[in-house]
């Protein structure tokens, strides 16, 4: 098989980007060796697939990471050596050429893209150790339905947490279906406490991913604590979805380099994932609330919207 022909079922471009951005690969030869290709074929494949030569791509993404680290308060010296430069002076020259200011003058403006440099391929550093791949702006049709579903999911979750505050502790923590799992990697969800905690935790985790924040610490799971956690995350998640809708950026990709191997997520599919399993967990919680003797509505978005607009 030719060296630049991918095997069936493999994402060859992803493998090439992994080789480009691996911390241990500083030269074209090292990158190519990690991808089991000759330097010539490796450079040809990356340039054809990403529209940017591998060394230039790595240099730009590393500088974007450096700009973010400086914004977070790291010292110029630490950032320079973490970026692979042999001297602070060499790093400062490269940074100044790219950003038009010295590292010491780097701004502190917040935002997902405040540290981005112009890119022919939409591939950018996304903190703390991921990539963001912008897609082509899509058509706007139907976005208002998505925003409505997200808004309903968040408000309905809050309503269920309010009900949980009146649930006896024994009923709240009772194991109702031993071994019950909504998703295999999330672990058991055998009680109301577990289902509602996972509902809140899912929003917190994805919000940290899209905001470029550290992996969140898992808080308490009593109803009052869950309500506080939900109220802290819900407005930011809704604002994120509305911003994606405004930009028509449903095709943007988040490459999570913390996964092993790294995983790529399309933003539209992330929102669909949260909505799908959120709806399942909310209806499961309703079923178990009824079994515990508590009154709970059907969770119908038609009724929810009617109440909001009446």
Foldseek 3Di string as FASTA:
>chain_A
DDPLDDDPPDPLLVQLLCLLQPQVDQDLCSSQVSSVHHSVSSQVNNCVVQVDGSNVVNLQQLLLQLLVVLLVPDDLQVSCVSSPHPDSVVVQVSNCVQPVDGSVPRDNDADQCSSHGDGPFQWHAGADGWIKRFDDQDDLPPLVVLLLLLVLLLVLLLVLLVLLLVFPPCLQPPQQDPPDDLDPVLDDDRGNLSLSQVLLLLLQQVLCQSRRHDRDDRDDRRSVVSSVSSVVRSVSSSVVSVVCSVRSGQQMWMWAVVDVNIDIDRNVVSSVVSSVSSVVSSQVSCVSCVVSVDDDDPSDSVVVVVVVVD
